[in-house]
C-alpha cells in the first residue's frame, strides 16, 4: 500500500480546518509524508493510535472524505493527521 512520496513532504503548509480541540485551523503544518507510507497501513485500521483516533473523530465531525488521502505531519512538534483538502492553497 506504499505510495510515491507526497510532493509536499518535508515542507510546511498552512492548514484550513474546521474548529477542533487541537485548534489546527491556521496553524503551520510540517508534512512528513502520506500516512500509509509512515505506518504501512490505512489510518482506518490503526487501532489505539492517538493521532488516528483524533483524526477519525475530527474527520467525522468535519465531514471529511472517508479515504486515504491523509498526511502525517507535525504542528509545534506534535503529530497530527490531516486530509489533503485541509491544506490552504496559496
N, C-alpha and C. Protein backbone atom coordinates (compact mmCIF):
# COMPACT_ATOMS: atom_id res chain seq x y z
N UNK A 1 0.81 -1.19 0.00
CA UNK A 1 0.00 0.00 0.00
C UNK A 1 0.86 1.27 0.00
N UNK A 2 2.16 1.13 -0.09
CA UNK A 2 3.06 2.29 -0.10
C UNK A 2 2.80 3.12 -1.36
N UNK A 3 2.80 4.42 -1.19
CA UNK A 3 2.58 5.35 -2.29
C UNK A 3 3.87 6.12 -2.57
N UNK A 4 3.90 6.74 -3.72
CA UNK A 4 5.02 7.63 -4.02
C UNK A 4 4.98 8.77 -3.01
N UNK A 5 6.14 9.22 -2.59
CA UNK A 5 6.24 10.29 -1.59
C UNK A 5 5.37 11.48 -2.01
N UNK A 6 4.69 12.08 -1.04
CA UNK A 6 3.85 13.24 -1.33
C UNK A 6 4.73 14.39 -1.80
N UNK A 7 4.29 15.15 -2.81
CA UNK A 7 5.11 16.24 -3.34
C UNK A 7 5.44 17.34 -2.33
N UNK A 8 4.66 17.46 -1.27
CA UNK A 8 4.94 18.47 -0.24
C UNK A 8 5.67 17.91 0.97
N UNK A 9 6.07 16.64 0.91
CA UNK A 9 6.81 16.04 2.03
C UNK A 9 8.06 16.86 2.33
N UNK A 10 8.27 17.14 3.61
CA UNK A 10 9.41 17.93 4.03
C UNK A 10 9.17 19.43 4.00
N UNK A 11 7.97 19.83 3.61
CA UNK A 11 7.64 21.25 3.52
C UNK A 11 6.60 21.61 4.58
N UNK A 12 6.49 22.90 4.85
CA UNK A 12 5.50 23.40 5.79
C UNK A 12 4.40 24.11 5.03
N UNK A 13 3.15 23.82 5.41
CA UNK A 13 1.98 24.43 4.78
C UNK A 13 1.10 25.02 5.88
N UNK A 14 0.16 25.84 5.47
CA UNK A 14 -0.81 26.39 6.41
C UNK A 14 -2.10 25.58 6.29
N UNK A 15 -2.74 25.30 7.43
CA UNK A 15 -3.95 24.48 7.45
C UNK A 15 -5.21 25.32 7.44
N UNK A 16 -6.24 24.77 6.82
CA UNK A 16 -7.60 25.34 6.88
C UNK A 16 -8.52 24.22 7.33
N UNK A 17 -8.75 24.15 8.61
CA UNK A 17 -9.52 23.06 9.22
C UNK A 17 -10.76 23.61 9.91
N UNK A 18 -11.74 22.75 10.03
CA UNK A 18 -12.91 23.09 10.83
C UNK A 18 -12.47 23.20 12.29
N UNK A 19 -13.22 23.93 13.13
CA UNK A 19 -12.85 24.04 14.54
C UNK A 19 -12.70 22.65 15.19
N UNK A 20 -11.67 22.50 15.99
CA UNK A 20 -11.42 21.23 16.68
C UNK A 20 -10.68 21.52 17.97
N UNK A 21 -10.63 20.56 18.91
CA UNK A 21 -9.96 20.78 20.18
C UNK A 21 -8.47 21.13 20.06
N UNK A 22 -7.81 20.67 19.00
CA UNK A 22 -6.39 20.97 18.83
C UNK A 22 -6.15 22.32 18.16
N UNK A 23 -7.22 22.98 17.73
CA UNK A 23 -7.14 24.30 17.10
C UNK A 23 -6.12 24.32 15.97
N UNK A 24 -6.29 23.38 15.01
CA UNK A 24 -5.35 23.26 13.90
C UNK A 24 -5.54 24.33 12.83
N UNK A 25 -6.73 24.92 12.77
CA UNK A 25 -7.00 25.90 11.72
C UNK A 25 -6.01 27.06 11.79
N UNK A 26 -5.39 27.34 10.63
CA UNK A 26 -4.44 28.44 10.53
C UNK A 26 -3.03 28.13 10.99
N UNK A 27 -2.83 26.92 11.54
CA UNK A 27 -1.50 26.55 12.04
C UNK A 27 -0.59 26.13 10.88
N UNK A 28 0.70 26.22 11.15
CA UNK A 28 1.70 25.74 10.19
C UNK A 28 1.96 24.27 10.46
N UNK A 29 1.93 23.48 9.40
CA UNK A 29 1.98 22.02 9.48
C UNK A 29 3.14 21.52 8.64
N UNK A 30 4.08 20.85 9.28
CA UNK A 30 5.23 20.27 8.58
C UNK A 30 4.84 18.86 8.15
N UNK A 31 4.84 18.63 6.82
CA UNK A 31 4.40 17.35 6.27
C UNK A 31 5.55 16.35 6.22
N UNK A 32 5.34 15.19 6.86
CA UNK A 32 6.33 14.12 6.75
C UNK A 32 6.08 13.33 5.46
N UNK A 33 4.86 12.81 5.30
CA UNK A 33 4.51 12.05 4.11
C UNK A 33 3.07 11.55 4.25
N UNK A 34 2.63 10.78 3.25
CA UNK A 34 1.33 10.11 3.35
C UNK A 34 1.34 9.24 4.60
N UNK A 35 0.22 9.16 5.28
CA UNK A 35 0.12 8.31 6.47
C UNK A 35 0.42 6.85 6.13
N UNK A 36 -0.06 6.35 5.00
CA UNK A 36 0.18 4.95 4.66
C UNK A 36 1.67 4.67 4.47
N UNK A 37 2.46 5.66 4.08
CA UNK A 37 3.90 5.46 3.96
C UNK A 37 4.59 5.46 5.32
N UNK A 38 4.06 6.25 6.23
CA UNK A 38 4.64 6.34 7.58
C UNK A 38 4.32 5.08 8.38
N UNK A 39 3.10 4.55 8.21
CA UNK A 39 2.64 3.46 9.07
C UNK A 39 2.48 2.11 8.39
N UNK A 40 2.52 2.08 7.06
CA UNK A 40 2.29 0.87 6.27
C UNK A 40 0.85 0.37 6.31
N UNK A 41 -0.09 1.22 6.76
CA UNK A 41 -1.50 0.84 6.72
C UNK A 41 -2.37 2.09 6.76
N UNK A 42 -3.63 1.89 6.41
CA UNK A 42 -4.60 2.97 6.42
C UNK A 42 -4.83 3.48 7.83
N UNK A 43 -5.14 4.76 7.94
CA UNK A 43 -5.48 5.33 9.24
C UNK A 43 -6.72 4.65 9.83
N UNK A 44 -7.56 4.08 8.96
CA UNK A 44 -8.79 3.44 9.42
C UNK A 44 -8.55 2.13 10.17
N UNK A 45 -7.33 1.59 10.08
CA UNK A 45 -7.01 0.31 10.70
C UNK A 45 -5.91 0.42 11.76
N UNK A 46 -5.68 1.61 12.25
CA UNK A 46 -4.64 1.84 13.27
C UNK A 46 -5.27 1.85 14.65
N UNK A 47 -5.53 0.70 15.18
CA UNK A 47 -6.19 0.55 16.47
C UNK A 47 -5.32 1.12 17.58
N UNK A 48 -5.90 2.04 18.35
CA UNK A 48 -5.22 2.60 19.52
C UNK A 48 -4.21 3.69 19.23
N UNK A 49 -3.99 4.06 17.98
CA UNK A 49 -3.05 5.12 17.67
C UNK A 49 -3.72 6.47 17.96
N UNK A 50 -3.16 7.28 18.87
CA UNK A 50 -3.82 8.54 19.24
C UNK A 50 -4.04 9.49 18.06
N UNK A 51 -3.07 9.62 17.17
CA UNK A 51 -3.22 10.53 16.03
C UNK A 51 -4.36 10.06 15.13
N UNK A 52 -4.47 8.76 14.93
CA UNK A 52 -5.55 8.21 14.09
C UNK A 52 -6.91 8.36 14.75
N UNK A 53 -6.96 8.13 16.05
CA UNK A 53 -8.22 8.27 16.78
C UNK A 53 -8.72 9.72 16.73
N UNK A 54 -7.80 10.66 16.96
CA UNK A 54 -8.18 12.07 16.91
C UNK A 54 -8.64 12.46 15.50
N UNK A 55 -7.94 11.95 14.49
CA UNK A 55 -8.33 12.26 13.12
C UNK A 55 -9.70 11.66 12.80
N UNK A 56 -9.95 10.45 13.26
CA UNK A 56 -11.24 9.79 13.00
C UNK A 56 -12.39 10.63 13.55
N UNK A 57 -12.25 11.11 14.76
CA UNK A 57 -13.30 11.92 15.37
C UNK A 57 -13.43 13.25 14.63
N UNK A 58 -12.30 13.92 14.39
CA UNK A 58 -12.31 15.21 13.71
C UNK A 58 -12.89 15.10 12.30
N UNK A 59 -12.50 14.04 11.59
CA UNK A 59 -12.99 13.87 10.21
C UNK A 59 -14.49 13.61 10.17
N UNK A 60 -15.00 12.90 11.15
CA UNK A 60 -16.45 12.64 11.20
C UNK A 60 -17.23 13.93 11.43
N UNK A 61 -16.78 14.74 12.37
CA UNK A 61 -17.49 15.99 12.67
C UNK A 61 -17.30 17.03 11.58
N UNK A 62 -16.21 16.93 10.82
CA UNK A 62 -15.93 17.90 9.75
C UNK A 62 -16.39 17.42 8.39
N UNK A 63 -16.96 16.21 8.34
CA UNK A 63 -17.43 15.63 7.08
C UNK A 63 -16.33 15.52 6.03
N UNK A 64 -15.14 15.13 6.48
CA UNK A 64 -14.03 14.92 5.55
C UNK A 64 -14.26 13.62 4.78
N UNK A 65 -13.72 13.52 3.57
CA UNK A 65 -13.90 12.29 2.79
C UNK A 65 -13.33 11.07 3.52
N UNK A 66 -13.99 9.95 3.38
CA UNK A 66 -13.56 8.71 4.01
C UNK A 66 -12.64 7.98 3.02
N UNK A 67 -11.39 8.44 2.97
CA UNK A 67 -10.42 7.85 2.05
C UNK A 67 -9.02 7.91 2.67
N UNK A 68 -8.02 7.53 1.91
CA UNK A 68 -6.65 7.53 2.41
C UNK A 68 -5.81 8.67 1.85
N UNK A 69 -6.46 9.79 1.52
CA UNK A 69 -5.74 10.98 1.08
C UNK A 69 -5.34 11.77 2.34
N UNK A 70 -4.64 11.08 3.23
CA UNK A 70 -4.34 11.57 4.56
C UNK A 70 -2.83 11.66 4.75
N UNK A 71 -2.40 12.78 5.31
CA UNK A 71 -0.98 13.03 5.54
C UNK A 71 -0.66 12.99 7.03
N UNK A 72 0.60 12.65 7.32
CA UNK A 72 1.10 12.73 8.69
C UNK A 72 2.11 13.86 8.74
N UNK A 73 2.00 14.67 9.76
CA UNK A 73 2.95 15.75 9.94
C UNK A 73 2.87 16.29 11.36
N UNK A 74 3.50 17.44 11.56
CA UNK A 74 3.58 17.97 12.92
C UNK A 74 3.21 19.44 12.97
N UNK A 75 2.57 19.79 14.08
CA UNK A 75 2.28 21.17 14.44
C UNK A 75 2.91 21.36 15.81
N UNK A 76 3.86 22.28 15.89
CA UNK A 76 4.56 22.56 17.16
C UNK A 76 5.11 21.28 17.78
N UNK A 77 5.65 20.39 16.96
CA UNK A 77 6.29 19.17 17.44
C UNK A 77 5.36 18.01 17.73
N UNK A 78 4.05 18.21 17.63
CA UNK A 78 3.09 17.13 17.90
C UNK A 78 2.54 16.58 16.60
N UNK A 79 2.45 15.24 16.49
CA UNK A 79 1.98 14.59 15.28
C UNK A 79 0.48 14.66 15.11
N UNK A 80 0.07 14.95 13.86
CA UNK A 80 -1.36 15.02 13.51
C UNK A 80 -1.56 14.45 12.12
N UNK A 81 -2.74 13.91 11.90
CA UNK A 81 -3.16 13.51 10.56
C UNK A 81 -4.08 14.59 10.03
N UNK A 82 -3.92 14.89 8.75
CA UNK A 82 -4.83 15.83 8.09
C UNK A 82 -5.19 15.28 6.72
N UNK A 83 -6.35 15.67 6.24
CA UNK A 83 -6.76 15.30 4.89
C UNK A 83 -6.16 16.33 3.94
N UNK A 84 -5.79 15.92 2.75
CA UNK A 84 -5.17 16.85 1.80
C UNK A 84 -6.06 18.06 1.51
N UNK A 85 -7.36 17.93 1.65
CA UNK A 85 -8.27 19.04 1.41
C UNK A 85 -8.15 20.13 2.49
N UNK A 86 -7.43 19.84 3.57
CA UNK A 86 -7.27 20.81 4.66
C UNK A 86 -6.01 21.67 4.51
N UNK A 87 -5.32 21.53 3.39
CA UNK A 87 -4.14 22.35 3.13
C UNK A 87 -4.63 23.64 2.46
N UNK A 88 -4.26 24.75 3.04
CA UNK A 88 -4.65 26.05 2.46
C UNK A 88 -3.86 26.29 1.18
N UNK A 89 -4.58 26.64 0.15
CA UNK A 89 -3.91 26.94 -1.12
C UNK A 89 -3.40 28.37 -1.11
N UNK A 90 -2.22 28.55 -1.68
CA UNK A 90 -1.63 29.91 -1.70
C UNK A 90 -2.23 30.75 -2.78
